[in-house]
Amino acid sequence: MHIIVCAKQIQNPEIATSVFRVDEQANKIIPVVGMPLVMSPFDEQCMEAALRIREKLGEVKITIMSLGPKSTKDVIKHGLSMGADEGVILDEEGLEGGDSHTAALMLAEAVKKIGAYDLILTGRQAADWDAGIVGPGLSELLGVPVVTFARSIQVEGNTARVERVLEDGFETIEAPLPAIVTISNELGEARKPNLRETMRAARKPIKVITANDLGLDASKIGAAGARTVLEKLYIPTKDGKCELIQGGSPQELAANLVRKLQEVRLI
């Protein structure tokens, strides 16, 4: 069995809001100096899901793949130290300005180049833009079924049984392999790399694939191929105010509070 895990390198979502900066003129996030980029937490849970499947089935190959600049190698190494067998970097140098569609397109073409696979795992969304488009986009481009918001996956023969998260509960869906599953945080905490796997990761292969290798037209990738228009990127201002409700008795205080809530249409 072959599982492909798609991972994204992002700015650490745990950084203090006081150091988070945005260039509003360029509509870009300003990287925090000295703060290393990390793997999106949802993608770490993808690796955890793949490892759980391997622990149950035994003979499972795990490939971790990421789209980004050369620094993305750090995310690939993290996946390898968690237990992946090989890494693939889709080098997007010179392809800045892409969106979820162009990312899904490059990932889909890379999957085709890699060859046979049984399962592709992506995060339910990336922890930076929170779009949640790449997984379903891969499904559309590769022509395979997708199950979203998974909290557990069981593989039996040629079928994936997925328990997915709903707003008011859970449901179980079966999908034929090959398939794509997006992993939700309800899967549980991802394991930490141990010393043995970290040392082995240095000897595991990492392949770099460029847009030229995929034969993609320049008009379909990067800013030229983006289908999303970013109108404005900014940090919202918090403008809160407190109004003290007066009343000579508990009954009058309650009546004044109700009247005020009705005025602002909260009740």
Protein backbone atom coordinates (compact mmCIF):
# COMPACT_ATOMS: atom_id res chain seq x y z
CA MET A 1 0.00 0.00 0.00
CA HIS A 2 1.21 3.51 -0.80
CA ILE A 3 0.05 6.60 1.13
CA ILE A 4 0.94 10.12 0.02
CA VAL A 5 0.80 12.81 2.70
CA CYS A 6 0.56 16.42 1.51
CA ALA A 7 2.12 18.93 3.92
CA LYS A 8 2.46 22.70 3.93
CA GLN A 9 5.13 24.91 5.49
CA ILE A 10 3.60 27.86 7.36
CA GLN A 11 4.47 30.53 9.87
CA ASN A 12 4.14 29.12 13.38
CA PRO A 13 0.47 29.59 14.37
CA GLU A 14 1.53 29.74 18.03
CA ILE A 15 3.44 33.03 17.67
CA ALA A 16 2.30 35.95 19.80
CA THR A 17 -0.16 38.24 18.06
CA SER A 18 1.99 41.18 19.13
CA VAL A 19 4.75 40.17 16.68
CA PHE A 20 2.45 39.29 13.77
CA ARG A 21 2.78 41.82 10.97
CA VAL A 22 1.10 42.40 7.61
CA ASP A 23 2.27 44.52 4.67
CA GLU A 24 -1.09 46.02 3.72
CA GLN A 25 0.30 47.65 0.57
CA ALA A 26 1.66 44.37 -0.83
CA ASN A 27 -1.09 42.22 0.73
CA LYS A 28 1.53 39.93 2.25
CA ILE A 29 2.36 38.53 5.67
CA ILE A 30 5.73 39.74 6.97
CA PRO A 31 7.76 36.76 8.26
CA VAL A 32 8.89 37.03 11.86
CA VAL A 33 12.68 37.34 11.92
CA GLY A 34 14.33 34.41 13.68
CA MET A 35 11.13 32.37 13.85
CA PRO A 36 11.46 29.11 11.88
CA LEU A 37 8.57 27.99 9.68
CA VAL A 38 6.75 24.80 10.70
CA MET A 39 4.53 22.10 9.28
CA SER A 40 0.83 22.93 9.46
CA PRO A 41 -0.59 21.09 12.51
CA PHE A 42 -3.38 19.49 10.44
CA ASP A 43 -0.68 18.01 8.18
CA GLU A 44 1.14 16.57 11.20
CA GLN A 45 -2.11 14.78 11.96
CA CYS A 46 -2.09 13.46 8.38
CA MET A 47 1.26 11.86 9.13
CA GLU A 48 -0.18 10.44 12.35
CA ALA A 49 -3.12 8.94 10.43
CA ALA A 50 -0.75 7.36 7.89
CA LEU A 51 1.41 5.89 10.65
CA ARG A 52 -1.63 4.41 12.41
CA ILE A 53 -2.66 2.71 9.17
CA ARG A 54 0.86 1.30 8.75
CA GLU A 55 0.88 0.02 12.31
CA LYS A 56 -2.30 -1.93 11.60
CA LEU A 57 -1.57 -3.15 8.07
CA GLY A 58 2.19 -3.60 8.21
CA GLU A 59 3.58 -3.14 4.68
CA VAL A 60 2.77 0.49 3.91
CA LYS A 61 4.97 3.01 2.08
CA ILE A 62 4.52 6.66 3.13
CA THR A 63 5.60 9.53 0.89
CA ILE A 64 5.47 13.07 2.25
CA MET A 65 5.12 15.80 -0.36
CA SER A 66 5.20 19.58 -0.05
CA LEU A 67 4.95 22.56 -2.38
CA GLY A 68 7.17 25.52 -1.64
CA PRO A 69 10.65 27.05 -1.82
CA LYS A 70 13.86 25.20 -0.98
CA SER A 71 13.30 25.90 2.74
CA THR A 72 10.39 23.45 2.53
CA LYS A 73 13.04 20.77 2.99
CA ASP A 74 12.74 21.34 6.75
CA VAL A 75 9.07 20.29 6.67
CA ILE A 76 9.94 17.23 4.60
CA LYS A 77 12.66 16.27 7.10
CA HIS A 78 10.15 16.61 9.92
CA GLY A 79 7.81 14.21 8.15
CA LEU A 80 10.65 11.77 7.52
CA SER A 81 11.65 11.91 11.19
CA MET A 82 8.03 11.11 12.12
CA GLY A 83 8.27 7.95 10.03
CA ALA A 84 7.69 8.72 6.33
CA ASP A 85 9.81 6.66 3.91
CA GLU A 86 10.60 9.30 1.29
CA GLY A 87 10.04 12.98 0.60
CA VAL A 88 9.12 15.00 -2.47
CA ILE A 89 9.55 18.78 -2.78
CA LEU A 90 7.66 20.63 -5.49
CA ASP A 91 9.97 23.58 -6.01
CA GLU A 92 7.90 26.72 -6.63
CA GLU A 93 10.81 29.15 -6.91
CA GLY A 94 9.65 31.95 -9.21
CA LEU A 95 6.02 30.86 -8.94
CA GLU A 96 4.94 33.20 -6.16
CA GLY A 97 1.39 34.45 -6.03
CA GLY A 98 -0.34 31.12 -6.57
CA ASP A 99 -3.46 30.03 -4.72
CA SER A 100 -5.20 26.83 -3.63
CA HIS A 101 -6.07 25.96 -7.22
CA THR A 102 -2.51 26.23 -8.52
CA ALA A 103 -1.25 24.29 -5.49
CA ALA A 104 -3.75 21.49 -6.15
CA LEU A 105 -2.79 21.47 -9.83
CA MET A 106 0.93 21.06 -9.13
CA LEU A 107 0.30 18.45 -6.46
CA ALA A 108 -1.99 16.49 -8.79
CA GLU A 109 0.59 16.48 -11.59
CA ALA A 110 3.28 15.40 -9.12
CA VAL A 111 1.08 12.53 -7.93
CA LYS A 112 0.71 11.39 -11.53
CA LYS A 113 4.48 11.53 -11.93
CA ILE A 114 5.05 9.55 -8.73
CA GLY A 115 2.79 6.80 -10.02
CA ALA A 116 0.62 4.27 -8.23
CA TYR A 117 -0.90 5.26 -4.89
CA ASP A 118 -3.77 4.06 -2.73
CA LEU A 119 -4.50 6.95 -0.41
CA ILE A 120 -3.73 10.69 -0.34
CA LEU A 121 -4.03 12.50 2.98
CA THR A 122 -4.29 16.28 3.35
CA GLY A 123 -5.16 18.51 6.27
CA ARG A 124 -8.76 19.67 6.52
CA GLN A 125 -7.25 23.11 5.86
CA ALA A 126 -3.89 24.82 6.21
CA ALA A 127 -3.43 26.61 9.52
CA ASP A 128 -2.49 29.88 7.81
CA TRP A 129 -5.16 30.68 5.18
CA ASP A 130 -7.76 28.12 6.38
CA ALA A 131 -9.15 27.66 2.85
CA GLY A 132 -9.67 23.89 2.90
CA ILE A 133 -9.65 23.68 -0.91
CA VAL A 134 -6.57 21.61 -1.84
CA GLY A 135 -7.96 18.20 -0.79
CA PRO A 136 -11.23 18.49 -2.76
CA GLY A 137 -9.27 20.14 -5.59
CA LEU A 138 -7.00 17.12 -5.84
CA SER A 139 -10.07 14.90 -5.94
CA GLU A 140 -11.45 16.84 -8.90
CA LEU A 141 -8.16 16.89 -10.80
CA LEU A 142 -7.31 13.22 -10.18
CA GLY A 143 -10.85 11.91 -10.61
CA VAL A 144 -10.95 9.99 -7.32
CA PRO A 145 -13.39 10.22 -4.37
CA VAL A 146 -12.71 12.50 -1.41
CA VAL A 147 -13.92 12.28 2.19
CA THR A 148 -13.45 15.40 4.28
CA PHE A 149 -13.06 16.19 8.00
CA ALA A 150 -11.95 12.70 9.03
CA ARG A 151 -11.33 11.84 12.66
CA SER A 152 -10.38 8.21 11.96
CA ILE A 153 -9.53 5.99 8.98
CA GLN A 154 -9.65 2.22 8.69
CA VAL A 155 -8.41 0.52 5.51
CA GLU A 156 -9.86 -2.89 4.73
CA GLY A 157 -8.87 -4.39 1.41
CA ASN A 158 -9.67 -1.87 -1.32
CA THR A 159 -11.95 0.24 0.88
CA ALA A 160 -11.32 3.14 3.24
CA ARG A 161 -13.81 3.46 6.09
CA VAL A 162 -13.77 7.01 7.37
CA GLU A 163 -15.48 8.48 10.39
CA ARG A 164 -15.98 12.16 9.61
CA VAL A 165 -16.93 15.12 11.76
CA LEU A 166 -20.28 16.86 11.33
CA GLU A 167 -21.60 19.98 13.03
CA ASP A 168 -23.90 17.89 15.20
CA GLY A 169 -22.10 14.54 15.42
CA PHE A 170 -20.27 12.03 13.25
CA GLU A 171 -20.94 9.85 10.24
CA THR A 172 -19.14 6.86 8.72
CA ILE A 173 -18.46 6.76 4.99
CA GLU A 174 -16.82 4.05 2.90
CA ALA A 175 -14.89 4.97 -0.24
CA PRO A 176 -13.12 2.75 -2.78
CA LEU A 177 -9.36 3.15 -3.12
CA PRO A 178 -7.62 5.12 -4.45
CA ALA A 179 -9.16 7.98 -2.50
CA ILE A 180 -8.36 11.28 -0.85
CA VAL A 181 -9.12 11.97 2.82
CA THR A 182 -8.76 15.32 4.60
CA ILE A 183 -7.83 14.98 8.27
CA SER A 184 -9.43 17.00 11.05
CA ASN A 185 -7.98 17.86 14.45
CA GLU A 186 -10.38 15.37 16.09
CA LEU A 187 -7.98 12.63 14.98
CA GLY A 188 -5.90 13.44 18.05
CA GLU A 189 -2.41 14.66 18.80
CA ALA A 190 0.36 13.67 16.41
CA ARG A 191 3.30 11.75 17.82
CA LYS A 192 6.69 13.40 18.27
CA PRO A 193 9.69 12.17 16.28
CA ASN A 194 11.87 9.79 18.27
CA LEU A 195 15.67 9.73 18.18
CA ARG A 196 15.87 6.59 16.04
CA GLU A 197 13.61 7.93 13.28
CA THR A 198 15.31 11.32 13.41
CA MET A 199 18.69 9.70 12.76
CA ARG A 200 17.24 7.53 9.99
CA ALA A 201 15.62 10.56 8.36
CA ALA A 202 19.03 11.88 7.31
CA ARG A 203 19.45 8.83 5.03
CA LYS A 204 15.98 8.84 3.51
CA PRO A 205 15.62 10.08 -0.08
CA ILE A 206 14.21 13.52 -0.92
CA LYS A 207 13.31 14.21 -4.55
CA VAL A 208 12.94 17.74 -5.96
CA ILE A 209 10.44 18.25 -8.79
CA THR A 210 10.06 21.53 -10.68
CA ALA A 211 7.22 22.89 -12.78
CA ASN A 212 9.29 22.13 -15.88
CA ASP A 213 9.55 18.50 -14.80
CA LEU A 214 5.75 18.39 -14.64
CA GLY A 215 5.36 19.95 -18.07
CA LEU A 216 2.95 22.60 -16.78
CA ASP A 217 2.26 25.69 -18.84
CA ALA A 218 3.48 28.88 -17.12
CA SER A 219 0.03 30.44 -17.55
CA LYS A 220 -1.54 27.78 -15.29
CA ILE A 221 0.70 28.11 -12.23
CA GLY A 222 1.84 30.82 -9.85
CA ALA A 223 0.14 34.22 -10.00
CA ALA A 224 -0.76 33.70 -13.67
CA GLY A 225 -2.88 30.65 -12.90
CA ALA A 226 -4.42 31.85 -9.65
CA ARG A 227 -8.22 31.98 -9.55
CA THR A 228 -8.41 33.88 -6.27
CA VAL A 229 -8.15 37.65 -6.09
CA LEU A 230 -6.92 38.94 -2.72
CA GLU A 231 -8.58 42.33 -2.31
CA LYS A 232 -7.25 43.31 1.09
CA LEU A 233 -5.09 41.75 3.81
CA TYR A 234 -5.02 43.47 7.17
CA ILE A 235 -5.04 42.91 10.92
CA PRO A 236 -8.50 43.84 12.26
CA THR A 237 -8.67 46.40 15.03
CA LYS A 238 -10.44 45.56 18.24
CA ASP A 239 -12.77 48.34 19.34
CA GLY A 240 -14.71 47.24 22.38
CA LYS A 241 -16.70 49.39 24.77
CA CYS A 242 -18.48 48.70 28.03
CA GLU A 243 -21.80 50.21 29.07
CA LEU A 244 -22.96 49.94 32.65
CA ILE A 245 -26.70 49.21 33.03
CA GLN A 246 -28.29 51.13 35.90
CA GLY A 247 -31.31 50.17 37.99
CA GLY A 248 -32.74 50.95 41.40
CA SER A 249 -33.78 47.34 42.02
CA PRO A 250 -33.00 43.91 40.57
CA GLN A 251 -36.30 44.01 38.67
CA GLU A 252 -35.59 47.47 37.19
CA LEU A 253 -32.00 46.44 36.36
CA ALA A 254 -33.26 43.34 34.55
CA ALA A 255 -35.87 45.36 32.63
CA ASN A 256 -33.27 47.95 31.57
CA LEU A 257 -30.92 45.19 30.42
CA VAL A 258 -33.65 43.54 28.34
CA ARG A 259 -34.59 46.91 26.82
CA LYS A 260 -30.97 47.57 25.86
CA LEU A 261 -30.54 44.13 24.29
CA GLN A 262 -33.71 44.70 22.28
CA GLU A 263 -32.41 48.06 21.07
CA VAL A 264 -29.28 46.48 19.63
CA ARG A 265 -31.33 43.51 18.32
CA LEU A 266 -29.55 40.85 20.32
CA ILE A 267 -32.87 39.46 21.52
